[in-house]
Amino acid sequence: MNRTFIIAVAAVFAVLSGVFFYMKTAMPEFRFNVMMGANILMLILSAASYFMVTRQIQNRPQAFIRGVYSGTFLKLFVCMTSVLIYVMLNKKDIHKPTLFVLFGIYAVYSVVETTILSKMARVK
């Protein structure tokens, strides 16, 4: 894996984990387990997306866009499925701000990942 990508994704994971641990004590109404689970899931999906994009770049550099779209769609689909499962399991006790945090996690990882991968594509 590209060192820059690893460092950036690890930094995002560490910062978000720190924020969630702070929220666990300062704002206990947020669902810590759900947010940390989403953070771990996005870390795994970012790694999968990285492999999809780098494989596309190695085949044909023009295929970068297809790789990024595939990775983004994969993450979006998994996130939407996860949110649907969360909502179905907690119908009566849904904490809506936690849902917004989950979509924020998706946005942060997507921005960081796309930025780094587009820089990688320009170099190759």
C-alpha atoms as a PDB file:
ATOM      1  CA  MET A   1       0.000   0.000   0.000  1.00  0.00           C
ATOM      2  CA  ASN A   2       1.066   3.539  -0.614  1.00  0.00           C
ATOM      3  CA  ARG A   3       2.591   5.023   2.529  1.00  0.00           C
ATOM      4  CA  THR A   4       0.675   8.295   2.192  1.00  0.00           C
ATOM      5  CA  PHE A   5      -2.628   6.469   1.932  1.00  0.00           C
ATOM      6  CA  ILE A   6      -1.895   4.305   4.968  1.00  0.00           C
ATOM      7  CA  ILE A   7      -0.847   7.287   7.072  1.00  0.00           C
ATOM      8  CA  ALA A   8      -3.845   9.383   6.042  1.00  0.00           C
ATOM      9  CA  VAL A   9      -6.431   6.657   6.626  1.00  0.00           C
ATOM     10  CA  ALA A  10      -4.801   5.665   9.925  1.00  0.00           C
ATOM     11  CA  ALA A  11      -4.800   9.320  11.005  1.00  0.00           C
ATOM     12  CA  VAL A  12      -8.480   9.691  10.116  1.00  0.00           C
ATOM     13  CA  PHE A  13      -9.254   6.491  12.037  1.00  0.00           C
ATOM     14  CA  ALA A  14      -7.270   7.653  15.083  1.00  0.00           C
ATOM     15  CA  VAL A  15      -8.781  11.151  15.124  1.00  0.00           C
ATOM     16  CA  LEU A  16     -12.331   9.870  14.731  1.00  0.00           C
ATOM     17  CA  SER A  17     -11.740   7.220  17.411  1.00  0.00           C
ATOM     18  CA  GLY A  18     -10.469   9.923  19.756  1.00  0.00           C
ATOM     19  CA  VAL A  19     -13.521  12.059  19.061  1.00  0.00           C
ATOM     20  CA  PHE A  20     -15.819   9.096  19.702  1.00  0.00           C
ATOM     21  CA  PHE A  21     -14.093   8.246  22.990  1.00  0.00           C
ATOM     22  CA  TYR A  22     -14.519  11.864  24.044  1.00  0.00           C
ATOM     23  CA  MET A  23     -18.179  11.757  23.001  1.00  0.00           C
ATOM     24  CA  LYS A  24     -18.647   8.573  25.021  1.00  0.00           C
ATOM     25  CA  THR A  25     -17.971  10.476  28.245  1.00  0.00           C
ATOM     26  CA  ALA A  26     -19.132  13.989  27.315  1.00  0.00           C
ATOM     27  CA  MET A  27     -22.261  13.024  25.372  1.00  0.00           C
ATOM     28  CA  PRO A  28     -23.357   9.534  26.473  1.00  0.00           C
ATOM     29  CA  GLU A  29     -26.587   9.705  24.462  1.00  0.00           C
ATOM     30  CA  PHE A  30     -24.562   9.009  21.294  1.00  0.00           C
ATOM     31  CA  ARG A  31     -24.172   5.310  20.501  1.00  0.00           C
ATOM     32  CA  PHE A  32     -20.454   4.727  20.946  1.00  0.00           C
ATOM     33  CA  ASN A  33     -20.514   1.101  19.753  1.00  0.00           C
ATOM     34  CA  VAL A  34     -22.338   2.032  16.565  1.00  0.00           C
ATOM     35  CA  MET A  35     -19.954   4.888  15.778  1.00  0.00           C
ATOM     36  CA  MET A  36     -16.830   2.807  16.440  1.00  0.00           C
ATOM     37  CA  GLY A  37     -18.239  -0.056  14.402  1.00  0.00           C
ATOM     38  CA  ALA A  38     -18.843   2.335  11.512  1.00  0.00           C
ATOM     39  CA  ASN A  39     -15.325   3.723  11.881  1.00  0.00           C
ATOM     40  CA  ILE A  40     -13.803   0.235  11.693  1.00  0.00           C
ATOM     41  CA  LEU A  41     -16.063  -0.688   8.774  1.00  0.00           C
ATOM     42  CA  MET A  42     -15.020   2.423   6.848  1.00  0.00           C
ATOM     43  CA  LEU A  43     -11.354   1.646   7.511  1.00  0.00           C
ATOM     44  CA  ILE A  44     -11.829  -1.817   5.993  1.00  0.00           C
ATOM     45  CA  LEU A  45     -13.840  -0.465   3.064  1.00  0.00           C
ATOM     46  CA  SER A  46     -11.202   2.194   2.394  1.00  0.00           C
ATOM     47  CA  ALA A  47      -8.554  -0.511   2.161  1.00  0.00           C
ATOM     48  CA  ALA A  48     -10.770  -2.500  -0.237  1.00  0.00           C
ATOM     49  CA  SER A  49     -11.427   0.602  -2.300  1.00  0.00           C
ATOM     50  CA  TYR A  50      -7.695   1.354  -2.423  1.00  0.00           C
ATOM     51  CA  PHE A  51      -6.984  -2.092  -3.840  1.00  0.00           C
ATOM     52  CA  MET A  52      -9.767  -1.705  -6.415  1.00  0.00           C
ATOM     53  CA  VAL A  53      -8.449   1.666  -7.582  1.00  0.00           C
ATOM     54  CA  THR A  54      -4.782   0.680  -7.705  1.00  0.00           C
ATOM     55  CA  ARG A  55      -5.648  -2.414  -9.723  1.00  0.00           C
ATOM     56  CA  GLN A  56      -7.561  -0.197 -12.161  1.00  0.00           C
ATOM     57  CA  ILE A  57      -4.654   2.254 -12.405  1.00  0.00           C
ATOM     58  CA  GLN A  58      -2.203  -0.556 -13.131  1.00  0.00           C
ATOM     59  CA  ASN A  59      -4.402  -1.916 -15.938  1.00  0.00           C
ATOM     60  CA  ARG A  60      -5.109   1.449 -17.545  1.00  0.00           C
ATOM     61  CA  PRO A  61      -4.538   4.850 -15.975  1.00  0.00           C
ATOM     62  CA  GLN A  62      -7.744   6.151 -17.598  1.00  0.00           C
ATOM     63  CA  ALA A  63      -9.711   3.599 -15.600  1.00  0.00           C
ATOM     64  CA  PHE A  64      -9.020   5.550 -12.412  1.00  0.00           C
ATOM     65  CA  ILE A  65     -12.457   7.173 -12.498  1.00  0.00           C
ATOM     66  CA  ARG A  66     -14.157   3.797 -12.762  1.00  0.00           C
ATOM     67  CA  GLY A  67     -12.159   2.528  -9.779  1.00  0.00           C
ATOM     68  CA  VAL A  68     -13.018   5.552  -7.639  1.00  0.00           C
ATOM     69  CA  TYR A  69     -16.696   5.294  -8.558  1.00  0.00           C
ATOM     70  CA  SER A  70     -16.683   1.581  -7.761  1.00  0.00           C
ATOM     71  CA  GLY A  71     -15.066   2.166  -4.373  1.00  0.00           C
ATOM     72  CA  THR A  72     -17.390   5.030  -3.535  1.00  0.00           C
ATOM     73  CA  PHE A  73     -20.452   3.041  -4.585  1.00  0.00           C
ATOM     74  CA  LEU A  74     -19.282   0.061  -2.517  1.00  0.00           C
ATOM     75  CA  LYS A  75     -18.866   2.241   0.561  1.00  0.00           C
ATOM     76  CA  LEU A  76     -22.181   4.004   0.006  1.00  0.00           C
ATOM     77  CA  PHE A  77     -24.050   0.731  -0.478  1.00  0.00           C
ATOM     78  CA  VAL A  78     -22.528  -0.852   2.633  1.00  0.00           C
ATOM     79  CA  CYS A  79     -23.197   2.301   4.677  1.00  0.00           C
ATOM     80  CA  MET A  80     -26.811   2.524   3.566  1.00  0.00           C
ATOM     81  CA  THR A  81     -27.325  -1.173   4.321  1.00  0.00           C
ATOM     82  CA  SER A  82     -25.741  -0.736   7.743  1.00  0.00           C
ATOM     83  CA  VAL A  83     -27.932   2.256   8.539  1.00  0.00           C
ATOM     84  CA  LEU A  84     -31.001   0.329   7.424  1.00  0.00           C
ATOM     85  CA  ILE A  85     -30.064  -2.557   9.723  1.00  0.00           C
ATOM     86  CA  TYR A  86     -29.443  -0.109  12.591  1.00  0.00           C
ATOM     87  CA  VAL A  87     -32.838   1.515  12.053  1.00  0.00           C
ATOM     88  CA  MET A  88     -34.650  -1.824  11.798  1.00  0.00           C
ATOM     89  CA  LEU A  89     -33.049  -3.102  15.018  1.00  0.00           C
ATOM     90  CA  ASN A  90     -33.712   0.116  16.965  1.00  0.00           C
ATOM     91  CA  LYS A  91     -37.078   1.237  15.618  1.00  0.00           C
ATOM     92  CA  LYS A  92     -38.297   2.714  18.886  1.00  0.00           C
ATOM     93  CA  ASP A  93     -35.034   4.128  20.152  1.00  0.00           C
ATOM     94  CA  ILE A  94     -33.253   5.723  17.176  1.00  0.00           C
ATOM     95  CA  HIS A  95     -30.812   8.475  18.062  1.00  0.00           C
ATOM     96  CA  LYS A  96     -30.892  10.679  14.949  1.00  0.00           C
ATOM     97  CA  PRO A  97     -27.693  12.632  15.707  1.00  0.00           C
ATOM     98  CA  THR A  98     -25.837   9.297  15.708  1.00  0.00           C
ATOM     99  CA  LEU A  99     -27.127   8.691  12.179  1.00  0.00           C
ATOM    100  CA  PHE A 100     -25.749  12.054  11.080  1.00  0.00           C
ATOM    101  CA  VAL A 101     -22.393  11.153  12.624  1.00  0.00           C
ATOM    102  CA  LEU A 102     -22.416   7.924  10.601  1.00  0.00           C
ATOM    103  CA  PHE A 103     -22.906   9.839   7.372  1.00  0.00           C
ATOM    104  CA  GLY A 104     -20.171  12.256   8.488  1.00  0.00           C
ATOM    105  CA  ILE A 105     -17.804   9.308   8.875  1.00  0.00           C
ATOM    106  CA  TYR A 106     -18.626   8.259   5.325  1.00  0.00           C
ATOM    107  CA  ALA A 107     -17.988  11.769   4.021  1.00  0.00           C
ATOM    108  CA  VAL A 108     -14.648  12.171   5.811  1.00  0.00           C
ATOM    109  CA  TYR A 109     -13.275   8.855   4.592  1.00  0.00           C
ATOM    110  CA  SER A 110     -14.529   9.488   1.049  1.00  0.00           C
ATOM    111  CA  VAL A 111     -12.923  12.929   0.818  1.00  0.00           C
ATOM    112  CA  VAL A 112      -9.578  11.763   2.209  1.00  0.00           C
ATOM    113  CA  GLU A 113      -9.510   8.651   0.070  1.00  0.00           C
ATOM    114  CA  THR A 114     -10.485  10.391  -3.176  1.00  0.00           C
ATOM    115  CA  THR A 115      -7.988  13.187  -2.629  1.00  0.00           C
ATOM    116  CA  ILE A 116      -5.075  10.830  -2.046  1.00  0.00           C
ATOM    117  CA  LEU A 117      -6.002   8.443  -4.836  1.00  0.00           C
ATOM    118  CA  SER A 118      -6.387  11.262  -7.357  1.00  0.00           C
ATOM    119  CA  LYS A 119      -2.887  12.496  -6.453  1.00  0.00           C
ATOM    120  CA  MET A 120      -1.610   8.952  -6.966  1.00  0.00           C
ATOM    121  CA  ALA A 121      -3.276   8.759 -10.375  1.00  0.00           C
ATOM    122  CA  ARG A 122      -1.692  12.040 -11.493  1.00  0.00           C
ATOM    123  CA  VAL A 123       1.774  10.737 -10.601  1.00  0.00           C
ATOM    124  CA  LYS A 124       1.394   7.498 -12.572  1.00  0.00           C
END
